[in-house]
Every structure is written in C-alpha cells, then in structure tokens.
Amino acid sequence: MSKQSRRQFMSTAAKTAAVTGIATLTGGVATAKETPKVFIHHVYFWLNNPDSQEDKDKLIAGLRKLAVTAKTIQQHHIGLPSTTNRDVVDRSYAVSWMLFFKNKAEQDILSDRSCTLKLH
C-alpha cells in the first residue's frame, strides 16, 4: 500500500463518496417500493360549548382512548384549527381526528360499533 498525502486521501475519499452517493440515488429510484394504499377517514368536531377547554380536553382524551382500543385503527392524528386567518381556511371546528385504516372494511368495523363519545 503506497503512502498518500492528506490531499490525495481527501480527493480519493470525495470521489468515492460522490460515486457511492450517485449509485445509491439511482439505485433508490429503480428499487423504490410503491406506497401501500390506506383508507383515510377525517372527522371534524364542533362542541356545544366551543369556549370550554374542559370539554375539548375530554373529547381529545376520549379520542385517544378509542384510538388505542379500536384494533382496526392503524394510525391517528388529532388536530386543532389552524391559526392562519384566510378566507379559504375553516377554523370553526374545535377538534379534527384523522384516522388511517388498511381499507374501508376495517373502517366499517369501527363505524358499525356506533362509537359515541359523550362529554357530560
């Protein structure tokens, strides 16, 4: 093995990294897997007492509990209205709940249970 100067070593390392990076990028495109299809159900909630933080907290706690107990829910996201103030943005709801299922049949299992959350 010949002795390299630091400059030669850095040059060789940079070229190797560049070639490896390009090979990885092109290989990644060729072997990219298709994103699995999911069924998304998005629910918006309006509260009878929209200014009640206690009611909102109870709703969110109930949604989290349901998300854990309902086996067909793959993922979920609880959201609040955006602070963006534009005409195209609806901020009238209190909480949104986005649910991810494997397919519609999995979502229908949850719907058939007549899930009802009562705050009072």
N, C-alpha and C. Protein backbone atom coordinates (compact mmCIF):
# COMPACT_ATOMS: atom_id res chain seq x y z
N MET A 1 0.84 -1.17 0.00
CA MET A 1 0.00 0.00 0.00
C MET A 1 0.88 1.24 0.00
N SER A 2 0.67 2.13 -0.93
CA SER A 2 1.50 3.32 -1.03
C SER A 2 1.02 4.38 -0.05
N LYS A 3 1.94 5.20 0.35
CA LYS A 3 1.62 6.28 1.27
C LYS A 3 1.02 7.44 0.49
N GLN A 4 -0.13 7.94 0.96
CA GLN A 4 -0.80 9.06 0.29
C GLN A 4 -0.67 10.31 1.14
N SER A 5 -0.63 11.42 0.44
CA SER A 5 -0.66 12.68 1.18
C SER A 5 -2.10 12.91 1.65
N ARG A 6 -2.26 13.78 2.59
CA ARG A 6 -3.61 14.09 3.09
C ARG A 6 -4.49 14.59 1.95
N ARG A 7 -3.93 15.42 1.08
CA ARG A 7 -4.68 15.97 -0.05
C ARG A 7 -5.14 14.85 -0.98
N GLN A 8 -4.26 13.88 -1.28
CA GLN A 8 -4.63 12.76 -2.15
C GLN A 8 -5.73 11.91 -1.49
N PHE A 9 -5.57 11.67 -0.18
CA PHE A 9 -6.57 10.89 0.54
C PHE A 9 -7.94 11.57 0.48
N MET A 10 -7.99 12.86 0.74
CA MET A 10 -9.25 13.60 0.74
C MET A 10 -9.88 13.60 -0.66
N SER A 11 -9.06 13.73 -1.68
CA SER A 11 -9.55 13.72 -3.05
C SER A 11 -10.15 12.36 -3.40
N THR A 12 -9.47 11.29 -3.05
CA THR A 12 -9.96 9.94 -3.31
C THR A 12 -11.25 9.68 -2.53
N ALA A 13 -11.28 10.10 -1.26
CA ALA A 13 -12.46 9.89 -0.42
C ALA A 13 -13.67 10.64 -0.99
N ALA A 14 -13.44 11.85 -1.45
CA ALA A 14 -14.54 12.66 -2.00
C ALA A 14 -15.09 12.04 -3.28
N LYS A 15 -14.19 11.55 -4.14
CA LYS A 15 -14.64 10.91 -5.38
C LYS A 15 -15.42 9.64 -5.08
N THR A 16 -14.94 8.86 -4.12
CA THR A 16 -15.62 7.63 -3.74
C THR A 16 -17.00 7.94 -3.18
N ALA A 17 -17.08 8.94 -2.32
CA ALA A 17 -18.37 9.32 -1.73
C ALA A 17 -19.34 9.80 -2.80
N ALA A 18 -18.83 10.56 -3.77
CA ALA A 18 -19.69 11.07 -4.84
C ALA A 18 -20.23 9.93 -5.69
N VAL A 19 -19.38 9.00 -6.07
CA VAL A 19 -19.80 7.87 -6.88
C VAL A 19 -20.79 7.00 -6.11
N THR A 20 -20.50 6.73 -4.83
CA THR A 20 -21.40 5.93 -4.00
C THR A 20 -22.74 6.62 -3.84
N GLY A 21 -22.73 7.92 -3.62
CA GLY A 21 -23.97 8.67 -3.48
C GLY A 21 -24.81 8.64 -4.73
N ILE A 22 -24.19 8.80 -5.89
CA ILE A 22 -24.91 8.74 -7.17
C ILE A 22 -25.46 7.35 -7.39
N ALA A 23 -24.68 6.33 -7.09
CA ALA A 23 -25.15 4.95 -7.26
C ALA A 23 -26.32 4.67 -6.33
N THR A 24 -26.26 5.20 -5.12
CA THR A 24 -27.36 5.00 -4.17
C THR A 24 -28.61 5.70 -4.67
N LEU A 25 -28.46 6.92 -5.16
CA LEU A 25 -29.63 7.66 -5.65
C LEU A 25 -30.28 6.96 -6.84
N THR A 26 -29.49 6.56 -7.81
CA THR A 26 -30.06 5.89 -8.97
C THR A 26 -30.62 4.54 -8.60
N GLY A 27 -29.92 3.83 -7.71
CA GLY A 27 -30.43 2.54 -7.25
C GLY A 27 -31.73 2.70 -6.48
N GLY A 28 -31.82 3.78 -5.69
CA GLY A 28 -33.02 4.03 -4.90
C GLY A 28 -34.23 4.27 -5.77
N VAL A 29 -34.05 4.98 -6.88
CA VAL A 29 -35.16 5.26 -7.78
C VAL A 29 -35.63 3.97 -8.45
N ALA A 30 -34.69 3.13 -8.84
CA ALA A 30 -35.04 1.90 -9.54
C ALA A 30 -35.72 0.89 -8.62
N THR A 31 -35.38 0.92 -7.34
CA THR A 31 -35.94 -0.07 -6.42
C THR A 31 -36.99 0.51 -5.48
N ALA A 32 -37.47 1.72 -5.76
CA ALA A 32 -38.45 2.34 -4.87
C ALA A 32 -39.71 1.49 -4.79
N LYS A 33 -40.17 1.28 -3.57
CA LYS A 33 -41.38 0.49 -3.35
C LYS A 33 -42.60 1.40 -3.45
N GLU A 34 -43.67 0.82 -3.92
CA GLU A 34 -44.92 1.57 -4.00
C GLU A 34 -45.45 1.79 -2.60
N THR A 35 -45.95 3.00 -2.34
CA THR A 35 -46.53 3.30 -1.05
C THR A 35 -47.79 2.48 -0.86
N PRO A 36 -47.91 1.80 0.28
CA PRO A 36 -49.12 1.00 0.48
C PRO A 36 -50.36 1.88 0.54
N LYS A 37 -51.46 1.38 0.00
CA LYS A 37 -52.69 2.15 0.00
C LYS A 37 -53.35 2.03 1.36
N VAL A 38 -53.91 3.14 1.81
CA VAL A 38 -54.62 3.16 3.08
C VAL A 38 -55.97 3.85 2.87
N PHE A 39 -56.87 3.62 3.80
CA PHE A 39 -58.17 4.27 3.79
C PHE A 39 -58.12 5.33 4.89
N ILE A 40 -58.37 6.58 4.54
CA ILE A 40 -58.32 7.69 5.49
C ILE A 40 -59.73 8.18 5.76
N HIS A 41 -60.04 8.35 7.03
CA HIS A 41 -61.34 8.89 7.45
C HIS A 41 -61.04 10.10 8.32
N HIS A 42 -61.55 11.27 7.93
CA HIS A 42 -61.26 12.50 8.66
C HIS A 42 -62.56 13.03 9.25
N VAL A 43 -62.57 13.25 10.56
CA VAL A 43 -63.77 13.69 11.27
C VAL A 43 -63.51 15.06 11.89
N TYR A 44 -64.50 15.95 11.80
CA TYR A 44 -64.42 17.26 12.42
C TYR A 44 -65.46 17.34 13.52
N PHE A 45 -65.09 17.91 14.68
CA PHE A 45 -65.99 18.01 15.82
C PHE A 45 -66.25 19.48 16.15
N TRP A 46 -67.52 19.81 16.33
CA TRP A 46 -67.94 21.11 16.82
C TRP A 46 -68.56 20.86 18.19
N LEU A 47 -68.17 21.61 19.18
CA LEU A 47 -68.66 21.42 20.55
C LEU A 47 -69.84 22.32 20.85
N ASN A 48 -70.73 21.85 21.72
CA ASN A 48 -71.85 22.69 22.16
C ASN A 48 -71.36 23.91 22.91
N ASN A 49 -70.28 23.74 23.66
CA ASN A 49 -69.64 24.85 24.37
C ASN A 49 -68.25 25.07 23.77
N PRO A 50 -68.17 25.76 22.65
CA PRO A 50 -66.89 25.87 21.94
C PRO A 50 -65.78 26.55 22.73
N ASP A 51 -66.13 27.35 23.74
CA ASP A 51 -65.11 28.04 24.52
C ASP A 51 -64.63 27.23 25.73
N SER A 52 -65.20 26.05 25.93
CA SER A 52 -64.86 25.23 27.10
C SER A 52 -63.62 24.38 26.82
N GLN A 53 -62.53 24.73 27.46
CA GLN A 53 -61.30 23.94 27.33
C GLN A 53 -61.49 22.57 27.97
N GLU A 54 -62.30 22.51 29.02
CA GLU A 54 -62.56 21.23 29.69
C GLU A 54 -63.27 20.26 28.74
N ASP A 55 -64.26 20.75 27.99
CA ASP A 55 -64.96 19.89 27.03
C ASP A 55 -64.01 19.42 25.93
N LYS A 56 -63.16 20.33 25.45
CA LYS A 56 -62.20 19.98 24.41
C LYS A 56 -61.23 18.92 24.91
N ASP A 57 -60.75 19.08 26.14
CA ASP A 57 -59.82 18.11 26.73
C ASP A 57 -60.47 16.74 26.89
N LYS A 58 -61.75 16.71 27.30
CA LYS A 58 -62.46 15.45 27.45
C LYS A 58 -62.63 14.76 26.10
N LEU A 59 -62.95 15.53 25.07
CA LEU A 59 -63.09 14.97 23.73
C LEU A 59 -61.78 14.35 23.27
N ILE A 60 -60.70 15.09 23.41
CA ILE A 60 -59.39 14.61 22.97
C ILE A 60 -58.99 13.35 23.75
N ALA A 61 -59.25 13.33 25.05
CA ALA A 61 -58.94 12.14 25.86
C ALA A 61 -59.75 10.94 25.38
N GLY A 62 -61.03 11.17 25.05
CA GLY A 62 -61.87 10.09 24.54
C GLY A 62 -61.40 9.58 23.19
N LEU A 63 -60.97 10.47 22.32
CA LEU A 63 -60.46 10.06 21.00
C LEU A 63 -59.18 9.24 21.15
N ARG A 64 -58.31 9.67 22.04
CA ARG A 64 -57.06 8.91 22.27
C ARG A 64 -57.36 7.52 22.81
N LYS A 65 -58.32 7.44 23.72
CA LYS A 65 -58.69 6.15 24.30
C LYS A 65 -59.28 5.24 23.23
N LEU A 66 -60.16 5.78 22.40
CA LEU A 66 -60.76 5.00 21.33
C LEU A 66 -59.71 4.53 20.32
N ALA A 67 -58.75 5.40 20.02
CA ALA A 67 -57.70 5.04 19.06
C ALA A 67 -56.86 3.87 19.55
N VAL A 68 -56.69 3.76 20.87
CA VAL A 68 -55.91 2.67 21.44
C VAL A 68 -56.73 1.38 21.48
N THR A 69 -58.02 1.49 21.80
CA THR A 69 -58.84 0.30 21.97
C THR A 69 -59.37 -0.27 20.67
N ALA A 70 -59.55 0.56 19.65
CA ALA A 70 -60.06 0.09 18.36
C ALA A 70 -58.91 -0.51 17.56
N LYS A 71 -58.93 -1.82 17.41
CA LYS A 71 -57.82 -2.54 16.79
C LYS A 71 -57.65 -2.26 15.31
N THR A 72 -58.68 -1.77 14.64
CA THR A 72 -58.58 -1.55 13.20
C THR A 72 -57.92 -0.22 12.83
N ILE A 73 -57.75 0.67 13.80
CA ILE A 73 -57.10 1.95 13.53
C ILE A 73 -55.59 1.72 13.47
N GLN A 74 -55.01 1.99 12.30
CA GLN A 74 -53.57 1.82 12.11
C GLN A 74 -52.79 2.99 12.71
N GLN A 75 -53.27 4.19 12.45
CA GLN A 75 -52.66 5.42 12.96
C GLN A 75 -53.78 6.44 13.11
N HIS A 76 -53.51 7.47 13.90
CA HIS A 76 -54.46 8.56 14.01
C HIS A 76 -53.71 9.86 14.28
N HIS A 77 -54.39 10.96 14.01
CA HIS A 77 -53.83 12.28 14.30
C HIS A 77 -54.96 13.17 14.79
N ILE A 78 -54.76 13.80 15.92
CA ILE A 78 -55.73 14.74 16.47
C ILE A 78 -55.20 16.13 16.18
N GLY A 79 -56.05 16.96 15.58
CA GLY A 79 -55.63 18.29 15.20
C GLY A 79 -56.55 19.37 15.73
N LEU A 80 -56.01 20.57 15.79
CA LEU A 80 -56.77 21.75 16.20
C LEU A 80 -56.80 22.73 15.03
N PRO A 81 -57.75 23.64 15.01
CA PRO A 81 -57.81 24.59 13.90
C PRO A 81 -56.52 25.40 13.77
N SER A 82 -56.20 25.71 12.54
CA SER A 82 -55.01 26.50 12.24
C SER A 82 -55.19 27.92 12.76
N THR A 83 -54.08 28.55 13.06
CA THR A 83 -54.13 29.96 13.45
C THR A 83 -54.09 30.86 12.22
N THR A 84 -53.97 30.25 11.04
CA THR A 84 -53.97 31.01 9.79
C THR A 84 -55.33 31.67 9.61
N ASN A 85 -55.32 32.94 9.29
CA ASN A 85 -56.57 33.67 9.14
C ASN A 85 -56.75 34.09 7.68
N ARG A 86 -57.28 33.15 6.88
CA ARG A 86 -57.55 33.44 5.47
C ARG A 86 -58.97 32.97 5.16
N ASP A 87 -59.56 33.53 4.13
CA ASP A 87 -60.94 33.20 3.78
C ASP A 87 -61.14 31.72 3.44
N VAL A 88 -60.13 31.06 2.92
CA VAL A 88 -60.27 29.66 2.49
C VAL A 88 -60.07 28.66 3.63
N VAL A 89 -59.69 29.13 4.81
CA VAL A 89 -59.43 28.24 5.94
C VAL A 89 -60.63 28.25 6.88
N ASP A 90 -61.20 27.06 7.12
CA ASP A 90 -62.32 26.91 8.06
C ASP A 90 -61.75 26.63 9.44
N ARG A 91 -61.96 27.55 10.34
CA ARG A 91 -61.48 27.38 11.71
C ARG A 91 -62.64 27.25 12.70
N SER A 92 -63.81 26.91 12.22
CA SER A 92 -64.99 26.88 13.08
C SER A 92 -65.08 25.62 13.93
N TYR A 93 -64.37 24.56 13.58
CA TYR A 93 -64.45 23.31 14.35
C TYR A 93 -63.54 23.40 15.58
N ALA A 94 -63.76 22.51 16.54
CA ALA A 94 -62.95 22.50 17.76
C ALA A 94 -61.77 21.55 17.65
N VAL A 95 -62.03 20.34 17.10
CA VAL A 95 -61.01 19.29 17.02
C VAL A 95 -61.24 18.51 15.74
N SER A 96 -60.16 18.07 15.11
CA SER A 96 -60.28 17.15 13.98
C SER A 96 -59.56 15.86 14.34
N TRP A 97 -60.01 14.78 13.73
CA TRP A 97 -59.42 13.47 14.02
C TRP A 97 -59.26 12.73 12.70
N MET A 98 -58.02 12.50 12.31
CA MET A 98 -57.74 11.80 11.06
C MET A 98 -57.32 10.38 11.41
N LEU A 99 -58.04 9.41 10.81
CA LEU A 99 -57.82 8.00 11.09
C LEU A 99 -57.31 7.29 9.85
N PHE A 100 -56.38 6.37 10.03
CA PHE A 100 -55.81 5.59 8.94
C PHE A 100 -56.16 4.12 9.16
N PHE A 101 -56.78 3.50 8.14
CA PHE A 101 -57.17 2.10 8.18
C PHE A 101 -56.52 1.37 7.00
N LYS A 102 -56.46 0.05 7.08
CA LYS A 102 -55.95 -0.74 5.96
C LYS A 102 -56.84 -0.61 4.74
N ASN A 103 -58.16 -0.57 4.98
CA ASN A 103 -59.13 -0.49 3.89
C ASN A 103 -60.47 -0.04 4.45
N LYS A 104 -61.46 0.13 3.58
CA LYS A 104 -62.78 0.59 4.00
C LYS A 104 -63.45 -0.41 4.93
N ALA A 105 -63.26 -1.69 4.69
CA ALA A 105 -63.87 -2.72 5.54
C ALA A 105 -63.40 -2.57 6.98
N GLU A 106 -62.12 -2.25 7.18
CA GLU A 106 -61.59 -2.05 8.54
C GLU A 106 -62.24 -0.83 9.19
N GLN A 107 -62.47 0.21 8.41
CA GLN A 107 -63.13 1.41 8.93
C GLN A 107 -64.58 1.10 9.26
N ASP A 108 -65.24 0.30 8.43
CA ASP A 108 -66.64 -0.04 8.65
C ASP A 108 -66.83 -0.82 9.95
N ILE A 109 -65.84 -1.61 10.34
CA ILE A 109 -65.93 -2.33 11.61
C ILE A 109 -66.07 -1.34 12.77
N LEU A 110 -65.29 -0.27 12.73
CA LEU A 110 -65.37 0.75 13.77
C LEU A 110 -66.70 1.49 13.70
N SER A 111 -67.16 1.82 12.50
CA SER A 111 -68.43 2.54 12.34
C SER A 111 -69.60 1.70 12.82
N ASP A 112 -69.55 0.40 12.57
CA ASP A 112 -70.65 -0.48 12.96
C ASP A 112 -70.81 -0.59 14.47
N ARG A 113 -69.79 -0.25 15.20
CA ARG A 113 -69.87 -0.30 16.67
C ARG A 113 -70.62 0.90 17.23
N SER A 114 -71.03 1.82 16.36
CA SER A 114 -71.75 3.03 16.78
C SER A 114 -71.01 3.76 17.89
N CYS A 115 -69.79 4.13 17.61
CA CYS A 115 -68.96 4.81 18.59
C CYS A 115 -69.56 6.18 18.91
N THR A 116 -69.89 6.39 20.15
CA THR A 116 -70.43 7.66 20.58
C THR A 116 -69.65 8.12 21.80
N LEU A 117 -69.17 9.33 21.74
CA LEU A 117 -68.46 9.92 22.87
C LEU A 117 -69.37 10.98 23.49
N LYS A 118 -69.60 10.87 24.77
CA LYS A 118 -70.41 11.87 25.48
C LYS A 118 -69.51 12.63 26.44
N LEU A 119 -69.65 13.92 26.40
CA LEU A 119 -68.81 14.74 27.27
C LEU A 119 -69.44 14.94 28.65
N HIS A 120 -70.74 14.81 28.75
CA HIS A 120 -71.40 15.05 30.03
C HIS A 120 -72.07 13.80 30.53
